[in-house]
Amino acid sequence: MFALVVRFDLRPEAAEDFDRLVAETAPLIHGREPGTLIYAVHEVEAEPDARVFYELYRDRAAFDEHERQPHVVRFLQERERHLSGARVEFLTPPSGKGLPDVGE
C-alpha cells in the first residue's frame, strides 16, 4: 500500500471555491480509479481555511496512475489559485483496524 496526507491552507475567502473543486473531482476519483482505496477530505476543526486529505492507494503504481488522470491534473492545476500553502507527508505502510484487504 501507498499512503499520504496533504494539508492545504487556503487563501481567505477561497474555501467555498476550493470545496466546489473537490466536490467536482472526488466522485471521478471514486468512480474511475480502482487502485485508489481511500480518498478522504476533511475540514479542520477551528480552522475554516484548512483542509486535510488522506489518500490510500493499492501501491505506488496506483498513485502514479491517479496523478495522470485528467480530472486529477485539472484539480492540481486549479487548486493553486486557492492555496496559501500546502504540506505533503508520505506515510509508511499502514496497519490497524478497518484497512481494506488488498491482497499484498
N, C-alpha and C. Protein backbone atom coordinates (compact mmCIF):
# COMPACT_ATOMS: atom_id res chain seq x y z
N MET A 1 0.83 -1.18 0.00
CA MET A 1 0.00 0.00 0.00
C MET A 1 0.87 1.25 0.00
N PHE A 2 0.28 2.33 -0.43
CA PHE A 2 0.98 3.61 -0.53
C PHE A 2 0.03 4.68 -0.01
N ALA A 3 0.46 5.47 0.96
CA ALA A 3 -0.44 6.44 1.59
C ALA A 3 0.25 7.79 1.77
N LEU A 4 -0.59 8.82 1.80
CA LEU A 4 -0.09 10.15 2.07
C LEU A 4 -1.17 11.00 2.73
N VAL A 5 -0.72 12.04 3.39
CA VAL A 5 -1.59 13.05 3.99
C VAL A 5 -1.14 14.39 3.43
N VAL A 6 -2.12 15.19 3.01
CA VAL A 6 -1.82 16.52 2.49
C VAL A 6 -2.64 17.54 3.27
N ARG A 7 -1.99 18.56 3.75
CA ARG A 7 -2.70 19.67 4.39
C ARG A 7 -2.64 20.87 3.45
N PHE A 8 -3.80 21.40 3.15
CA PHE A 8 -3.91 22.60 2.33
C PHE A 8 -4.36 23.74 3.21
N ASP A 9 -3.61 24.84 3.19
CA ASP A 9 -4.02 26.07 3.83
C ASP A 9 -4.55 26.96 2.71
N LEU A 10 -5.80 27.39 2.88
CA LEU A 10 -6.49 28.13 1.84
C LEU A 10 -6.35 29.63 2.03
N ARG A 11 -6.39 30.34 0.93
CA ARG A 11 -6.41 31.80 0.98
C ARG A 11 -7.73 32.24 1.63
N PRO A 12 -7.73 33.39 2.27
CA PRO A 12 -9.00 33.90 2.82
C PRO A 12 -10.06 33.98 1.72
N GLU A 13 -11.25 33.59 2.04
CA GLU A 13 -12.39 33.63 1.11
C GLU A 13 -12.34 32.57 0.01
N ALA A 14 -11.39 31.63 0.05
CA ALA A 14 -11.25 30.64 -1.02
C ALA A 14 -11.91 29.30 -0.70
N ALA A 15 -12.35 29.09 0.52
CA ALA A 15 -12.84 27.77 0.93
C ALA A 15 -14.00 27.29 0.07
N GLU A 16 -14.95 28.14 -0.22
CA GLU A 16 -16.12 27.72 -0.98
C GLU A 16 -15.73 27.24 -2.39
N ASP A 17 -14.88 27.98 -3.05
CA ASP A 17 -14.45 27.59 -4.39
C ASP A 17 -13.58 26.34 -4.36
N PHE A 18 -12.70 26.23 -3.37
CA PHE A 18 -11.88 25.03 -3.24
C PHE A 18 -12.75 23.82 -2.98
N ASP A 19 -13.71 23.94 -2.09
CA ASP A 19 -14.61 22.83 -1.79
C ASP A 19 -15.43 22.42 -3.00
N ARG A 20 -15.80 23.36 -3.82
CA ARG A 20 -16.53 23.06 -5.06
C ARG A 20 -15.63 22.26 -6.02
N LEU A 21 -14.36 22.65 -6.12
CA LEU A 21 -13.41 21.92 -6.95
C LEU A 21 -13.25 20.49 -6.45
N VAL A 22 -13.15 20.33 -5.15
CA VAL A 22 -13.07 18.98 -4.56
C VAL A 22 -14.33 18.19 -4.87
N ALA A 23 -15.49 18.82 -4.73
CA ALA A 23 -16.77 18.14 -4.98
C ALA A 23 -16.90 17.70 -6.44
N GLU A 24 -16.29 18.42 -7.35
CA GLU A 24 -16.30 18.03 -8.77
C GLU A 24 -15.33 16.88 -9.04
N THR A 25 -14.23 16.85 -8.31
CA THR A 25 -13.15 15.90 -8.59
C THR A 25 -13.33 14.57 -7.86
N ALA A 26 -13.72 14.60 -6.60
CA ALA A 26 -13.77 13.38 -5.79
C ALA A 26 -14.64 12.27 -6.38
N PRO A 27 -15.82 12.55 -6.92
CA PRO A 27 -16.62 11.45 -7.49
C PRO A 27 -15.92 10.77 -8.67
N LEU A 28 -15.15 11.52 -9.43
CA LEU A 28 -14.41 10.93 -10.54
C LEU A 28 -13.30 10.02 -10.03
N ILE A 29 -12.66 10.42 -8.96
CA ILE A 29 -11.63 9.57 -8.34
C ILE A 29 -12.27 8.29 -7.83
N HIS A 30 -13.36 8.41 -7.12
CA HIS A 30 -14.04 7.24 -6.56
C HIS A 30 -14.56 6.31 -7.65
N GLY A 31 -15.06 6.87 -8.75
CA GLY A 31 -15.68 6.06 -9.79
C GLY A 31 -14.74 5.49 -10.83
N ARG A 32 -13.58 6.10 -11.02
CA ARG A 32 -12.71 5.73 -12.14
C ARG A 32 -11.34 5.20 -11.75
N GLU A 33 -11.06 5.13 -10.46
CA GLU A 33 -9.72 4.75 -10.04
C GLU A 33 -9.77 3.57 -9.06
N PRO A 34 -9.81 2.35 -9.58
CA PRO A 34 -9.89 1.18 -8.68
C PRO A 34 -8.69 1.03 -7.75
N GLY A 35 -7.55 1.58 -8.13
CA GLY A 35 -6.36 1.50 -7.27
C GLY A 35 -6.33 2.52 -6.16
N THR A 36 -7.26 3.48 -6.19
CA THR A 36 -7.39 4.46 -5.10
C THR A 36 -8.36 3.88 -4.09
N LEU A 37 -7.84 3.44 -2.96
CA LEU A 37 -8.64 2.74 -1.96
C LEU A 37 -9.39 3.71 -1.05
N ILE A 38 -8.73 4.78 -0.66
CA ILE A 38 -9.35 5.81 0.18
C ILE A 38 -8.89 7.17 -0.33
N TYR A 39 -9.85 8.06 -0.50
CA TYR A 39 -9.56 9.45 -0.86
C TYR A 39 -10.52 10.28 -0.02
N ALA A 40 -10.07 10.67 1.15
CA ALA A 40 -10.93 11.34 2.12
C ALA A 40 -10.45 12.77 2.35
N VAL A 41 -11.40 13.69 2.33
CA VAL A 41 -11.11 15.10 2.55
C VAL A 41 -11.78 15.54 3.84
N HIS A 42 -11.03 16.21 4.68
CA HIS A 42 -11.53 16.63 5.99
C HIS A 42 -11.38 18.13 6.16
N GLU A 43 -12.37 18.75 6.77
CA GLU A 43 -12.20 20.11 7.27
C GLU A 43 -11.49 20.00 8.61
N VAL A 44 -10.78 21.04 8.98
CA VAL A 44 -10.02 21.04 10.23
C VAL A 44 -10.81 21.84 11.25
N GLU A 45 -11.08 21.20 12.37
CA GLU A 45 -11.86 21.84 13.43
C GLU A 45 -11.18 23.14 13.86
N ALA A 46 -11.94 24.20 13.93
CA ALA A 46 -11.50 25.53 14.37
C ALA A 46 -10.52 26.19 13.40
N GLU A 47 -10.36 25.63 12.18
CA GLU A 47 -9.53 26.25 11.15
C GLU A 47 -10.30 26.20 9.83
N PRO A 48 -11.19 27.14 9.61
CA PRO A 48 -12.06 27.08 8.42
C PRO A 48 -11.32 27.20 7.09
N ASP A 49 -10.08 27.64 7.13
CA ASP A 49 -9.32 27.78 5.90
C ASP A 49 -8.26 26.69 5.75
N ALA A 50 -8.54 25.51 6.30
CA ALA A 50 -7.62 24.39 6.17
C ALA A 50 -8.39 23.13 5.80
N ARG A 51 -7.77 22.31 4.98
CA ARG A 51 -8.32 21.01 4.59
C ARG A 51 -7.20 19.98 4.69
N VAL A 52 -7.56 18.77 5.10
CA VAL A 52 -6.60 17.67 5.16
C VAL A 52 -7.14 16.52 4.31
N PHE A 53 -6.30 16.03 3.43
CA PHE A 53 -6.63 14.90 2.58
C PHE A 53 -5.88 13.68 3.09
N TYR A 54 -6.57 12.55 3.18
CA TYR A 54 -5.92 11.26 3.45
C TYR A 54 -6.15 10.40 2.23
N GLU A 55 -5.06 9.90 1.66
CA GLU A 55 -5.14 9.12 0.44
C GLU A 55 -4.42 7.78 0.63
N LEU A 56 -5.09 6.70 0.26
CA LEU A 56 -4.52 5.37 0.36
C LEU A 56 -4.69 4.68 -0.99
N TYR A 57 -3.58 4.19 -1.52
CA TYR A 57 -3.55 3.55 -2.83
C TYR A 57 -3.10 2.11 -2.69
N ARG A 58 -3.49 1.30 -3.67
CA ARG A 58 -3.10 -0.11 -3.68
C ARG A 58 -1.58 -0.23 -3.64
N ASP A 59 -0.90 0.63 -4.39
CA ASP A 59 0.56 0.63 -4.45
C ASP A 59 1.03 1.93 -5.11
N ARG A 60 2.32 2.09 -5.24
CA ARG A 60 2.87 3.31 -5.83
C ARG A 60 2.39 3.47 -7.28
N ALA A 61 2.27 2.38 -8.01
CA ALA A 61 1.81 2.46 -9.39
C ALA A 61 0.39 3.02 -9.47
N ALA A 62 -0.47 2.65 -8.53
CA ALA A 62 -1.84 3.17 -8.49
C ALA A 62 -1.82 4.68 -8.21
N PHE A 63 -0.94 5.12 -7.34
CA PHE A 63 -0.80 6.56 -7.08
C PHE A 63 -0.33 7.29 -8.33
N ASP A 64 0.66 6.71 -9.01
CA ASP A 64 1.16 7.34 -10.23
C ASP A 64 0.06 7.42 -11.29
N GLU A 65 -0.76 6.38 -11.39
CA GLU A 65 -1.88 6.39 -12.33
C GLU A 65 -2.90 7.46 -11.93
N HIS A 66 -3.17 7.59 -10.65
CA HIS A 66 -4.05 8.65 -10.13
C HIS A 66 -3.57 10.02 -10.59
N GLU A 67 -2.29 10.28 -10.45
CA GLU A 67 -1.71 11.57 -10.79
C GLU A 67 -1.83 11.89 -12.28
N ARG A 68 -1.95 10.87 -13.12
CA ARG A 68 -2.05 11.07 -14.58
C ARG A 68 -3.48 11.28 -15.08
N GLN A 69 -4.47 11.05 -14.23
CA GLN A 69 -5.87 11.15 -14.66
C GLN A 69 -6.21 12.60 -15.00
N PRO A 70 -6.96 12.82 -16.09
CA PRO A 70 -7.30 14.20 -16.48
C PRO A 70 -8.01 14.99 -15.38
N HIS A 71 -8.89 14.35 -14.62
CA HIS A 71 -9.59 15.06 -13.55
C HIS A 71 -8.64 15.46 -12.42
N VAL A 72 -7.61 14.67 -12.19
CA VAL A 72 -6.63 15.00 -11.15
C VAL A 72 -5.69 16.09 -11.66
N VAL A 73 -5.26 16.00 -12.91
CA VAL A 73 -4.41 17.05 -13.49
C VAL A 73 -5.13 18.39 -13.40
N ARG A 74 -6.41 18.41 -13.74
CA ARG A 74 -7.19 19.64 -13.65
C ARG A 74 -7.24 20.15 -12.20
N PHE A 75 -7.50 19.24 -11.26
CA PHE A 75 -7.55 19.62 -9.85
C PHE A 75 -6.22 20.23 -9.41
N LEU A 76 -5.12 19.56 -9.76
CA LEU A 76 -3.80 20.03 -9.34
C LEU A 76 -3.50 21.42 -9.90
N GLN A 77 -3.93 21.68 -11.12
CA GLN A 77 -3.71 23.00 -11.72
C GLN A 77 -4.59 24.06 -11.08
N GLU A 78 -5.86 23.76 -10.92
CA GLU A 78 -6.81 24.76 -10.43
C GLU A 78 -6.70 25.03 -8.93
N ARG A 79 -6.23 24.09 -8.17
CA ARG A 79 -6.16 24.28 -6.72
C ARG A 79 -5.21 25.40 -6.33
N GLU A 80 -4.18 25.62 -7.15
CA GLU A 80 -3.14 26.58 -6.79
C GLU A 80 -3.68 27.97 -6.50
N ARG A 81 -4.68 28.39 -7.22
CA ARG A 81 -5.21 29.75 -7.02
C ARG A 81 -5.94 29.90 -5.69
N HIS A 82 -6.25 28.77 -5.04
CA HIS A 82 -6.98 28.79 -3.77
C HIS A 82 -6.06 28.65 -2.54
N LEU A 83 -4.78 28.35 -2.78
CA LEU A 83 -3.90 27.97 -1.68
C LEU A 83 -2.98 29.09 -1.23
N SER A 84 -2.74 29.10 0.07
CA SER A 84 -1.67 29.94 0.62
C SER A 84 -0.49 29.07 1.03
N GLY A 85 -0.72 27.75 1.11
CA GLY A 85 0.34 26.82 1.45
C GLY A 85 -0.15 25.40 1.42
N ALA A 86 0.80 24.46 1.37
CA ALA A 86 0.46 23.04 1.37
C ALA A 86 1.62 22.25 1.96
N ARG A 87 1.27 21.12 2.54
CA ARG A 87 2.30 20.23 3.10
C ARG A 87 1.89 18.81 2.79
N VAL A 88 2.79 18.05 2.16
CA VAL A 88 2.55 16.66 1.81
C VAL A 88 3.44 15.79 2.67
N GLU A 89 2.85 14.74 3.25
CA GLU A 89 3.62 13.77 4.03
C GLU A 89 3.31 12.38 3.51
N PHE A 90 4.34 11.69 3.02
CA PHE A 90 4.19 10.31 2.59
C PHE A 90 4.35 9.43 3.81
N LEU A 91 3.50 8.41 3.92
CA LEU A 91 3.41 7.60 5.12
C LEU A 91 3.98 6.21 4.89
N THR A 92 4.44 5.60 5.97
CA THR A 92 4.87 4.20 5.90
C THR A 92 3.63 3.33 5.72
N PRO A 93 3.79 2.09 5.28
CA PRO A 93 2.60 1.24 5.09
C PRO A 93 1.74 1.21 6.35
N PRO A 94 0.43 1.37 6.16
CA PRO A 94 -0.47 1.45 7.30
C PRO A 94 -0.74 0.09 7.93
N SER A 95 -1.13 0.14 9.18
CA SER A 95 -1.60 -1.05 9.87
C SER A 95 -2.71 -0.59 10.81
N GLY A 96 -3.60 -1.49 11.13
CA GLY A 96 -4.65 -1.12 12.07
C GLY A 96 -6.00 -1.60 11.64
N LYS A 97 -6.97 -1.24 12.39
CA LYS A 97 -8.37 -1.64 12.19
C LYS A 97 -8.98 -0.99 10.96
N GLY A 98 -9.78 -1.74 10.25
CA GLY A 98 -10.58 -1.19 9.17
C GLY A 98 -9.87 -0.99 7.86
N LEU A 99 -8.68 -1.53 7.71
CA LEU A 99 -7.97 -1.34 6.45
C LEU A 99 -8.49 -2.32 5.41
N PRO A 100 -8.55 -1.89 4.17
CA PRO A 100 -9.03 -2.78 3.11
C PRO A 100 -8.04 -3.92 2.88
N ASP A 101 -8.57 -5.07 2.54
CA ASP A 101 -7.73 -6.21 2.19
C ASP A 101 -7.42 -6.12 0.72
N VAL A 102 -6.18 -5.80 0.39
CA VAL A 102 -5.80 -5.64 -1.00
C VAL A 102 -4.90 -6.76 -1.48
N GLY A 103 -4.75 -7.80 -0.67
CA GLY A 103 -4.01 -8.98 -1.09
C GLY A 103 -2.57 -8.73 -1.46
N GLU A 104 -1.85 -8.07 -0.56
CA GLU A 104 -0.45 -7.78 -0.85
C GLU A 104 0.33 -9.04 -0.96
